[in-house]
Amino acid sequence: MSYGRILIMKIMIENNYSRFFVIRAMILFFALNLCVSTSSAQQKFSPEKYQADMEEFITKEAGLDKNEATAFFPLLREMQEKQRAIFKQLRTEGTSKPADENAYRKAIQKRDQMELELKNIQQTYHNKFLSVLPASKAYKAILAEERFNRRMFRNWGMGRPKGHRPHKDNSEKK
């Protein structure tokens, strides 16, 4: 028993609180303690786990075999590294405050250029994906990566296990 719990019990007993009240207070204290420890454990982000979960999800969703996955994922990681560099530049540019109208115009043009660069990277790597995967699997892998990222960002910080979201049952719709 921690010192905090013992202190709370001692204060309650010394002040003639009923046994029922002491038990309720202890249960509440334990429940709050559990909630805090659970939520802090769920908030820790591991890039390695994220990457492994994403690769597992994409492999399953796109139906990749071991050889296809071995050829595909290094290309995907390479694409993501290049995209991250551009995203970082976009974030940096987004924090600056242009001084005048001309500076705003240049900021917009620079932002547009970076977004075009992101699309060029994507197109280049999509063509590389097509060189190592059948088109149907490359398409499914691209969609699976987008779906995985959307789910993870939507679920992050919501107290749900990562990567898990309740699905609607569409079987009842007619």
N, C-alpha and C. Protein backbone atom coordinates (compact mmCIF):
# COMPACT_ATOMS: atom_id res chain seq x y z
N MET A 1 0.84 -1.17 0.00
CA MET A 1 0.00 0.00 0.00
C MET A 1 0.89 1.24 0.00
N SER A 2 0.57 2.21 -0.82
CA SER A 2 1.39 3.41 -0.89
C SER A 2 1.14 4.31 0.31
N TYR A 3 2.07 5.21 0.50
CA TYR A 3 1.98 6.14 1.62
C TYR A 3 0.72 7.01 1.50
N GLY A 4 0.37 7.42 0.27
CA GLY A 4 -0.81 8.26 0.06
C GLY A 4 -2.09 7.56 0.48
N ARG A 5 -2.19 6.29 0.17
CA ARG A 5 -3.39 5.53 0.53
C ARG A 5 -3.50 5.36 2.04
N ILE A 6 -2.38 5.09 2.67
CA ILE A 6 -2.36 4.92 4.13
C ILE A 6 -2.75 6.23 4.81
N LEU A 7 -2.22 7.34 4.30
CA LEU A 7 -2.51 8.64 4.88
C LEU A 7 -4.00 8.96 4.77
N ILE A 8 -4.59 8.69 3.62
CA ILE A 8 -6.03 8.96 3.44
C ILE A 8 -6.84 8.13 4.41
N MET A 9 -6.51 6.84 4.54
CA MET A 9 -7.25 5.97 5.48
C MET A 9 -7.12 6.48 6.90
N LYS A 10 -5.91 6.88 7.30
CA LYS A 10 -5.66 7.34 8.66
C LYS A 10 -6.49 8.59 8.96
N ILE A 11 -6.51 9.54 8.02
CA ILE A 11 -7.27 10.78 8.21
C ILE A 11 -8.75 10.47 8.34
N MET A 12 -9.26 9.60 7.50
CA MET A 12 -10.68 9.28 7.53
C MET A 12 -11.07 8.59 8.82
N ILE A 13 -10.25 7.69 9.28
CA ILE A 13 -10.56 6.95 10.50
C ILE A 13 -10.46 7.88 11.71
N GLU A 14 -9.43 8.75 11.75
CA GLU A 14 -9.27 9.67 12.87
C GLU A 14 -10.42 10.68 12.94
N ASN A 15 -11.02 10.99 11.84
CA ASN A 15 -12.12 11.95 11.82
C ASN A 15 -13.48 11.27 11.94
N ASN A 16 -13.49 10.03 12.37
CA ASN A 16 -14.71 9.27 12.62
C ASN A 16 -15.62 9.11 11.40
N TYR A 17 -15.01 8.99 10.23
CA TYR A 17 -15.83 8.70 9.06
C TYR A 17 -16.27 7.25 9.15
N SER A 18 -17.43 6.99 8.64
CA SER A 18 -17.93 5.63 8.73
C SER A 18 -17.08 4.69 7.87
N ARG A 19 -17.12 3.45 8.23
CA ARG A 19 -16.36 2.42 7.50
C ARG A 19 -16.83 2.37 6.05
N PHE A 20 -18.12 2.51 5.83
CA PHE A 20 -18.68 2.50 4.47
C PHE A 20 -18.08 3.63 3.65
N PHE A 21 -17.97 4.82 4.22
CA PHE A 21 -17.41 5.97 3.52
C PHE A 21 -15.94 5.73 3.19
N VAL A 22 -15.20 5.15 4.13
CA VAL A 22 -13.78 4.86 3.91
C VAL A 22 -13.63 3.87 2.76
N ILE A 23 -14.44 2.85 2.72
CA ILE A 23 -14.36 1.86 1.65
C ILE A 23 -14.69 2.50 0.31
N ARG A 24 -15.73 3.32 0.26
CA ARG A 24 -16.10 3.99 -0.99
C ARG A 24 -14.97 4.92 -1.45
N ALA A 25 -14.37 5.64 -0.53
CA ALA A 25 -13.29 6.55 -0.88
C ALA A 25 -12.08 5.77 -1.43
N MET A 26 -11.78 4.63 -0.81
CA MET A 26 -10.65 3.81 -1.26
C MET A 26 -10.92 3.25 -2.66
N ILE A 27 -12.15 2.80 -2.92
CA ILE A 27 -12.49 2.27 -4.23
C ILE A 27 -12.35 3.36 -5.29
N LEU A 28 -12.83 4.56 -4.97
CA LEU A 28 -12.71 5.68 -5.89
C LEU A 28 -11.24 6.01 -6.15
N PHE A 29 -10.44 6.01 -5.10
CA PHE A 29 -9.01 6.30 -5.23
C PHE A 29 -8.33 5.26 -6.12
N PHE A 30 -8.62 3.98 -5.91
CA PHE A 30 -8.05 2.92 -6.74
C PHE A 30 -8.49 3.06 -8.20
N ALA A 31 -9.76 3.38 -8.41
CA ALA A 31 -10.28 3.52 -9.78
C ALA A 31 -9.60 4.69 -10.50
N LEU A 32 -9.45 5.81 -9.82
CA LEU A 32 -8.78 6.96 -10.42
C LEU A 32 -7.32 6.64 -10.73
N ASN A 33 -6.69 5.96 -9.81
CA ASN A 33 -5.30 5.56 -10.00
C ASN A 33 -5.17 4.67 -11.23
N LEU A 34 -6.07 3.73 -11.38
CA LEU A 34 -6.06 2.82 -12.53
C LEU A 34 -6.29 3.57 -13.82
N CYS A 35 -7.23 4.51 -13.83
CA CYS A 35 -7.52 5.30 -15.04
C CYS A 35 -6.31 6.11 -15.47
N VAL A 36 -5.64 6.73 -14.53
CA VAL A 36 -4.48 7.55 -14.85
C VAL A 36 -3.36 6.68 -15.41
N SER A 37 -3.10 5.55 -14.78
CA SER A 37 -2.01 4.69 -15.26
C SER A 37 -2.35 4.09 -16.62
N THR A 38 -3.61 3.74 -16.85
CA THR A 38 -4.02 3.16 -18.14
C THR A 38 -3.93 4.19 -19.25
N SER A 39 -4.42 5.40 -19.00
CA SER A 39 -4.41 6.40 -20.06
C SER A 39 -2.99 6.85 -20.39
N SER A 40 -2.11 6.94 -19.41
CA SER A 40 -0.74 7.34 -19.71
C SER A 40 0.00 6.25 -20.47
N ALA A 41 -0.33 5.00 -20.23
CA ALA A 41 0.30 3.90 -20.96
C ALA A 41 -0.16 3.89 -22.41
N GLN A 42 -1.42 4.26 -22.68
CA GLN A 42 -1.94 4.25 -24.04
C GLN A 42 -1.41 5.42 -24.85
N GLN A 43 -0.94 6.47 -24.24
CA GLN A 43 -0.52 7.66 -24.96
C GLN A 43 0.92 7.57 -25.49
N LYS A 44 1.68 6.60 -25.06
CA LYS A 44 3.07 6.50 -25.49
C LYS A 44 3.11 6.04 -26.94
N PHE A 45 3.86 6.78 -27.76
CA PHE A 45 3.95 6.47 -29.18
C PHE A 45 5.28 5.81 -29.48
N SER A 46 5.23 4.72 -30.20
CA SER A 46 6.43 4.03 -30.64
C SER A 46 6.44 3.98 -32.16
N PRO A 47 7.37 4.70 -32.81
CA PRO A 47 7.43 4.65 -34.27
C PRO A 47 7.64 3.25 -34.82
N GLU A 48 8.42 2.45 -34.10
CA GLU A 48 8.68 1.08 -34.56
C GLU A 48 7.40 0.24 -34.53
N LYS A 49 6.62 0.39 -33.46
CA LYS A 49 5.37 -0.35 -33.36
C LYS A 49 4.37 0.14 -34.41
N TYR A 50 4.34 1.44 -34.61
CA TYR A 50 3.44 2.02 -35.61
C TYR A 50 3.78 1.43 -36.99
N GLN A 51 5.07 1.41 -37.33
CA GLN A 51 5.51 0.88 -38.62
C GLN A 51 5.17 -0.61 -38.74
N ALA A 52 5.43 -1.37 -37.69
CA ALA A 52 5.14 -2.80 -37.72
C ALA A 52 3.64 -3.07 -37.86
N ASP A 53 2.83 -2.31 -37.12
CA ASP A 53 1.37 -2.46 -37.22
C ASP A 53 0.87 -2.09 -38.61
N MET A 54 1.45 -1.01 -39.16
CA MET A 54 1.04 -0.59 -40.50
C MET A 54 1.40 -1.65 -41.54
N GLU A 55 2.60 -2.20 -41.45
CA GLU A 55 3.02 -3.22 -42.41
C GLU A 55 2.15 -4.47 -42.31
N GLU A 56 1.83 -4.84 -41.09
CA GLU A 56 0.95 -6.00 -40.89
C GLU A 56 -0.44 -5.74 -41.49
N PHE A 57 -0.97 -4.55 -41.25
CA PHE A 57 -2.29 -4.18 -41.77
C PHE A 57 -2.28 -4.18 -43.30
N ILE A 58 -1.28 -3.54 -43.89
CA ILE A 58 -1.21 -3.47 -45.35
C ILE A 58 -1.04 -4.85 -45.96
N THR A 59 -0.18 -5.67 -45.37
CA THR A 59 0.04 -7.03 -45.87
C THR A 59 -1.27 -7.80 -45.90
N LYS A 60 -2.04 -7.69 -44.83
CA LYS A 60 -3.32 -8.39 -44.75
C LYS A 60 -4.33 -7.83 -45.74
N GLU A 61 -4.49 -6.49 -45.73
CA GLU A 61 -5.51 -5.85 -46.57
C GLU A 61 -5.23 -6.01 -48.07
N ALA A 62 -3.96 -5.95 -48.45
CA ALA A 62 -3.61 -6.05 -49.86
C ALA A 62 -3.36 -7.49 -50.29
N GLY A 63 -3.30 -8.40 -49.33
CA GLY A 63 -3.06 -9.80 -49.65
C GLY A 63 -1.66 -10.06 -50.18
N LEU A 64 -0.67 -9.39 -49.58
CA LEU A 64 0.72 -9.55 -50.03
C LEU A 64 1.32 -10.84 -49.49
N ASP A 65 2.05 -11.53 -50.35
CA ASP A 65 2.80 -12.69 -49.85
C ASP A 65 4.16 -12.20 -49.34
N LYS A 66 4.97 -13.10 -48.81
CA LYS A 66 6.22 -12.71 -48.18
C LYS A 66 7.17 -12.02 -49.17
N ASN A 67 7.29 -12.55 -50.38
CA ASN A 67 8.18 -11.95 -51.38
C ASN A 67 7.71 -10.57 -51.80
N GLU A 68 6.41 -10.42 -51.98
CA GLU A 68 5.86 -9.12 -52.36
C GLU A 68 6.08 -8.10 -51.26
N ALA A 69 5.84 -8.51 -50.01
CA ALA A 69 6.04 -7.61 -48.88
C ALA A 69 7.51 -7.20 -48.76
N THR A 70 8.41 -8.15 -48.99
CA THR A 70 9.85 -7.87 -48.91
C THR A 70 10.27 -6.84 -49.96
N ALA A 71 9.65 -6.88 -51.13
CA ALA A 71 9.97 -5.93 -52.20
C ALA A 71 9.26 -4.59 -52.00
N PHE A 72 8.05 -4.63 -51.45
CA PHE A 72 7.21 -3.43 -51.37
C PHE A 72 7.58 -2.51 -50.21
N PHE A 73 7.77 -3.04 -49.01
CA PHE A 73 7.90 -2.18 -47.83
C PHE A 73 9.14 -1.30 -47.81
N PRO A 74 10.30 -1.74 -48.33
CA PRO A 74 11.41 -0.78 -48.40
C PRO A 74 11.08 0.44 -49.27
N LEU A 75 10.35 0.23 -50.36
CA LEU A 75 9.93 1.35 -51.21
C LEU A 75 8.97 2.27 -50.46
N LEU A 76 8.03 1.67 -49.74
CA LEU A 76 7.06 2.46 -48.98
C LEU A 76 7.76 3.29 -47.92
N ARG A 77 8.70 2.69 -47.19
CA ARG A 77 9.43 3.43 -46.15
C ARG A 77 10.24 4.57 -46.76
N GLU A 78 10.85 4.32 -47.90
CA GLU A 78 11.62 5.35 -48.61
C GLU A 78 10.71 6.52 -49.00
N MET A 79 9.54 6.21 -49.54
CA MET A 79 8.58 7.24 -49.91
C MET A 79 8.15 8.05 -48.69
N GLN A 80 7.87 7.36 -47.60
CA GLN A 80 7.41 8.04 -46.38
C GLN A 80 8.49 8.96 -45.81
N GLU A 81 9.76 8.56 -45.89
CA GLU A 81 10.84 9.42 -45.41
C GLU A 81 10.90 10.71 -46.20
N LYS A 82 10.78 10.60 -47.53
CA LYS A 82 10.81 11.80 -48.38
C LYS A 82 9.58 12.68 -48.11
N GLN A 83 8.43 12.06 -47.90
CA GLN A 83 7.22 12.82 -47.60
C GLN A 83 7.34 13.53 -46.25
N ARG A 84 7.91 12.85 -45.26
CA ARG A 84 8.08 13.46 -43.93
C ARG A 84 8.94 14.71 -44.01
N ALA A 85 9.99 14.68 -44.84
CA ALA A 85 10.85 15.85 -44.98
C ALA A 85 10.05 17.04 -45.53
N ILE A 86 9.18 16.79 -46.49
CA ILE A 86 8.35 17.86 -47.06
C ILE A 86 7.33 18.34 -46.02
N PHE A 87 6.70 17.40 -45.30
CA PHE A 87 5.73 17.78 -44.26
C PHE A 87 6.40 18.66 -43.21
N LYS A 88 7.64 18.33 -42.87
CA LYS A 88 8.36 19.14 -41.87
C LYS A 88 8.56 20.56 -42.39
N GLN A 89 8.92 20.68 -43.67
CA GLN A 89 9.08 22.01 -44.27
C GLN A 89 7.75 22.77 -44.26
N LEU A 90 6.66 22.06 -44.58
CA LEU A 90 5.34 22.70 -44.57
C LEU A 90 5.00 23.23 -43.19
N ARG A 91 5.28 22.43 -42.17
CA ARG A 91 5.00 22.86 -40.79
C ARG A 91 5.83 24.09 -40.44
N THR A 92 7.11 24.07 -40.84
CA THR A 92 7.99 25.19 -40.54
C THR A 92 7.50 26.45 -41.24
N GLU A 93 7.11 26.32 -42.50
CA GLU A 93 6.60 27.46 -43.25
C GLU A 93 5.29 27.98 -42.64
N GLY A 94 4.49 27.08 -42.13
CA GLY A 94 3.20 27.46 -41.56
C GLY A 94 3.31 28.29 -40.29
N THR A 95 4.45 28.23 -39.63
CA THR A 95 4.60 28.99 -38.38
C THR A 95 5.10 30.41 -38.62
N SER A 96 5.63 30.68 -39.82
CA SER A 96 6.14 32.02 -40.08
C SER A 96 4.99 32.97 -40.45
N LYS A 97 5.14 34.21 -40.08
CA LYS A 97 4.14 35.24 -40.36
C LYS A 97 4.72 36.20 -41.41
N PRO A 98 4.20 36.15 -42.64
CA PRO A 98 4.69 37.08 -43.67
C PRO A 98 4.44 38.54 -43.26
N ALA A 99 5.34 39.41 -43.71
CA ALA A 99 5.29 40.81 -43.30
C ALA A 99 4.35 41.65 -44.15
N ASP A 100 4.24 41.31 -45.44
CA ASP A 100 3.41 42.13 -46.32
C ASP A 100 2.72 41.24 -47.36
N GLU A 101 1.96 41.86 -48.24
CA GLU A 101 1.20 41.10 -49.25
C GLU A 101 2.11 40.31 -50.17
N ASN A 102 3.23 40.88 -50.54
CA ASN A 102 4.17 40.18 -51.42
C ASN A 102 4.73 38.93 -50.73
N ALA A 103 5.02 39.05 -49.46
CA ALA A 103 5.53 37.90 -48.69
C ALA A 103 4.45 36.82 -48.57
N TYR A 104 3.19 37.22 -48.39
CA TYR A 104 2.09 36.26 -48.35
C TYR A 104 1.99 35.53 -49.68
N ARG A 105 2.11 36.25 -50.80
CA ARG A 105 2.03 35.66 -52.12
C ARG A 105 3.14 34.60 -52.29
N LYS A 106 4.36 34.97 -51.87
CA LYS A 106 5.49 34.03 -51.97
C LYS A 106 5.27 32.81 -51.08
N ALA A 107 4.70 33.01 -49.91
CA ALA A 107 4.42 31.90 -48.99
C ALA A 107 3.41 30.93 -49.60
N ILE A 108 2.39 31.48 -50.24
CA ILE A 108 1.39 30.63 -50.90
C ILE A 108 2.02 29.85 -52.03
N GLN A 109 2.83 30.52 -52.84
CA GLN A 109 3.48 29.85 -53.96
C GLN A 109 4.45 28.77 -53.49
N LYS A 110 5.17 29.05 -52.41
CA LYS A 110 6.10 28.06 -51.87
C LYS A 110 5.33 26.85 -51.34
N ARG A 111 4.24 27.12 -50.66
CA ARG A 111 3.40 26.03 -50.13
C ARG A 111 2.84 25.18 -51.27
N ASP A 112 2.34 25.83 -52.31
CA ASP A 112 1.84 25.10 -53.47
C ASP A 112 2.94 24.24 -54.09
N GLN A 113 4.14 24.79 -54.18
CA GLN A 113 5.26 24.05 -54.76
C GLN A 113 5.58 22.80 -53.93
N MET A 114 5.56 22.93 -52.62
CA MET A 114 5.85 21.78 -51.74
C MET A 114 4.75 20.71 -51.87
N GLU A 115 3.50 21.16 -52.00
CA GLU A 115 2.41 20.19 -52.16
C GLU A 115 2.50 19.47 -53.50
N LEU A 116 2.93 20.18 -54.54
CA LEU A 116 3.16 19.52 -55.84
C LEU A 116 4.31 18.52 -55.73
N GLU A 117 5.33 18.89 -54.96
CA GLU A 117 6.47 18.00 -54.76
C GLU A 117 6.01 16.71 -54.05
N LEU A 118 5.11 16.86 -53.07
CA LEU A 118 4.55 15.68 -52.40
C LEU A 118 3.84 14.77 -53.40
N LYS A 119 3.06 15.35 -54.29
CA LYS A 119 2.34 14.57 -55.29
C LYS A 119 3.31 13.90 -56.26
N ASN A 120 4.40 14.60 -56.63
CA ASN A 120 5.40 14.00 -57.52
C ASN A 120 6.09 12.81 -56.87
N ILE A 121 6.40 12.94 -55.58
CA ILE A 121 7.00 11.84 -54.84
C ILE A 121 6.04 10.65 -54.84
N GLN A 122 4.79 10.95 -54.54
CA GLN A 122 3.77 9.90 -54.51
C GLN A 122 3.66 9.20 -55.87
N GLN A 123 3.60 9.97 -56.93
CA GLN A 123 3.46 9.39 -58.27
C GLN A 123 4.68 8.55 -58.63
N THR A 124 5.87 9.04 -58.33
CA THR A 124 7.10 8.30 -58.61
C THR A 124 7.09 6.95 -57.89
N TYR A 125 6.73 6.97 -56.62
CA TYR A 125 6.75 5.72 -55.84
C TYR A 125 5.59 4.81 -56.20
N HIS A 126 4.48 5.35 -56.59
CA HIS A 126 3.38 4.49 -57.05
C HIS A 126 3.83 3.71 -58.28
N ASN A 127 4.58 4.35 -59.17
CA ASN A 127 5.12 3.64 -60.33
C ASN A 127 6.12 2.57 -59.91
N LYS A 128 6.91 2.86 -58.90
CA LYS A 128 7.84 1.85 -58.38
C LYS A 128 7.08 0.68 -57.76
N PHE A 129 5.97 0.98 -57.07
CA PHE A 129 5.14 -0.09 -56.49
C PHE A 129 4.64 -1.01 -57.60
N LEU A 130 4.24 -0.40 -58.72
CA LEU A 130 3.72 -1.19 -59.84
C LEU A 130 4.79 -2.08 -60.47
N SER A 131 6.06 -1.73 -60.26
CA SER A 131 7.13 -2.56 -60.81
C SER A 131 7.40 -3.80 -59.95
N VAL A 132 6.93 -3.79 -58.69
CA VAL A 132 7.18 -4.94 -57.82
C VAL A 132 5.91 -5.68 -57.41
N LEU A 133 4.74 -5.09 -57.70
CA LEU A 133 3.46 -5.70 -57.33
C LEU A 133 2.51 -5.68 -58.52
N PRO A 134 1.59 -6.62 -58.55
CA PRO A 134 0.51 -6.50 -59.54
C PRO A 134 -0.29 -5.23 -59.22
N ALA A 135 -0.88 -4.63 -60.25
CA ALA A 135 -1.60 -3.36 -60.08
C ALA A 135 -2.69 -3.46 -59.03
N SER A 136 -3.40 -4.59 -58.98
CA SER A 136 -4.49 -4.74 -58.01
C SER A 136 -3.95 -4.70 -56.57
N LYS A 137 -2.82 -5.34 -56.34
CA LYS A 137 -2.25 -5.34 -54.98
C LYS A 137 -1.63 -3.99 -54.65
N ALA A 138 -1.02 -3.34 -55.62
CA ALA A 138 -0.44 -2.01 -55.38
C ALA A 138 -1.56 -1.04 -55.00
N TYR A 139 -2.67 -1.11 -55.71
CA TYR A 139 -3.82 -0.24 -55.43
C TYR A 139 -4.36 -0.51 -54.03
N LYS A 140 -4.52 -1.79 -53.69
CA LYS A 140 -5.03 -2.14 -52.36
C LYS A 140 -4.05 -1.71 -51.27
N ALA A 141 -2.76 -1.82 -51.53
CA ALA A 141 -1.76 -1.41 -50.54
C ALA A 141 -1.79 0.10 -50.32
N ILE A 142 -1.95 0.87 -51.39
CA ILE A 142 -2.02 2.33 -51.28
C ILE A 142 -3.24 2.72 -50.45
N LEU A 143 -4.38 2.12 -50.75
CA LEU A 143 -5.60 2.43 -49.99
C LEU A 143 -5.48 1.97 -48.54
N ALA A 144 -4.85 0.81 -48.33
CA ALA A 144 -4.69 0.28 -46.97
C ALA A 144 -3.82 1.21 -46.13
N GLU A 145 -2.75 1.76 -46.73
CA GLU A 145 -1.90 2.68 -45.98
C GLU A 145 -2.68 3.92 -45.57
N GLU A 146 -3.46 4.47 -46.49
CA GLU A 146 -4.27 5.65 -46.17
C GLU A 146 -5.29 5.33 -45.07
N ARG A 147 -5.94 4.18 -45.19
CA ARG A 147 -6.95 3.79 -44.20
C ARG A 147 -6.31 3.58 -42.83
N PHE A 148 -5.16 2.94 -42.81
CA PHE A 148 -4.46 2.70 -41.54
C PHE A 148 -4.12 4.02 -40.87
N ASN A 149 -3.54 4.95 -41.64
CA ASN A 149 -3.15 6.24 -41.06
C ASN A 149 -4.36 7.02 -40.55
N ARG A 150 -5.45 7.01 -41.30
CA ARG A 150 -6.67 7.70 -40.84
C ARG A 150 -7.16 7.11 -39.53
N ARG A 151 -7.21 5.78 -39.45
CA ARG A 151 -7.69 5.12 -38.23
C ARG A 151 -6.80 5.43 -37.04
N MET A 152 -5.50 5.37 -37.26
CA MET A 152 -4.58 5.59 -36.15
C MET A 152 -4.68 7.03 -35.64
N PHE A 153 -4.75 7.99 -36.53
CA PHE A 153 -4.86 9.38 -36.09
C PHE A 153 -6.20 9.66 -35.45
N ARG A 154 -7.24 9.03 -35.95
CA ARG A 154 -8.57 9.22 -35.37
C ARG A 154 -8.62 8.59 -33.98
N ASN A 155 -8.00 7.45 -33.81
CA ASN A 155 -8.05 6.74 -32.54
C ASN A 155 -7.03 7.21 -31.52
N TRP A 156 -5.99 7.87 -31.98
CA TRP A 156 -4.93 8.28 -31.07
C TRP A 156 -5.48 9.26 -30.04
N GLY A 157 -5.26 8.94 -28.80
CA GLY A 157 -5.71 9.82 -27.73
C GLY A 157 -7.16 9.67 -27.34
N MET A 158 -7.86 8.71 -27.90
CA MET A 158 -9.27 8.54 -27.57
C MET A 158 -9.50 7.43 -26.56
N GLY A 159 -8.44 6.81 -26.09
CA GLY A 159 -8.60 5.77 -25.08
C GLY A 159 -8.91 4.41 -25.66
N ARG A 160 -8.97 4.31 -26.98
CA ARG A 160 -9.22 3.00 -27.59
C ARG A 160 -7.89 2.34 -27.89
N PRO A 161 -7.87 1.02 -27.95
CA PRO A 161 -6.63 0.37 -28.38
C PRO A 161 -6.29 0.85 -29.78
N LYS A 162 -5.02 1.06 -30.05
CA LYS A 162 -4.61 1.60 -31.33
C LYS A 162 -4.93 0.63 -32.45
N GLY A 163 -5.46 1.18 -33.53
CA GLY A 163 -5.76 0.39 -34.71
C GLY A 163 -7.09 -0.33 -34.66
N HIS A 164 -7.80 -0.20 -33.56
CA HIS A 164 -9.08 -0.90 -33.43
C HIS A 164 -10.21 0.11 -33.33
N ARG A 165 -11.18 -0.07 -34.16
CA ARG A 165 -12.35 0.80 -34.13
C ARG A 165 -13.57 -0.05 -34.37
N PRO A 166 -14.62 0.15 -33.61
CA PRO A 166 -15.82 -0.65 -33.84
C PRO A 166 -16.36 -0.40 -35.24
N HIS A 167 -16.73 -1.46 -35.91
CA HIS A 167 -17.28 -1.35 -37.25
C HIS A 167 -18.80 -1.40 -37.17
N LYS A 168 -19.43 -0.64 -38.05
CA LYS A 168 -20.88 -0.67 -38.12
C LYS A 168 -21.31 -1.96 -38.78
N ASP A 169 -22.37 -2.51 -38.29
CA ASP A 169 -22.90 -3.72 -38.89
C ASP A 169 -23.87 -3.33 -40.00
N ASN A 170 -23.45 -3.53 -41.23
CA ASN A 170 -24.25 -3.15 -42.38
C ASN A 170 -25.18 -4.26 -42.83
N SER A 171 -25.16 -5.40 -42.15
CA SER A 171 -25.98 -6.53 -42.56
C SER A 171 -27.47 -6.28 -42.32
N GLU A 172 -27.79 -5.36 -41.38
CA GLU A 172 -29.18 -5.09 -41.07
C GLU A 172 -29.83 -4.12 -42.05
N LYS A 173 -29.01 -3.38 -42.82
CA LYS A 173 -29.56 -2.44 -43.80
C LYS A 173 -30.06 -3.21 -45.00
N LYS A 174 -31.24 -2.86 -45.46
CA LYS A 174 -31.81 -3.51 -46.65
C LYS A 174 -32.40 -2.51 -47.57
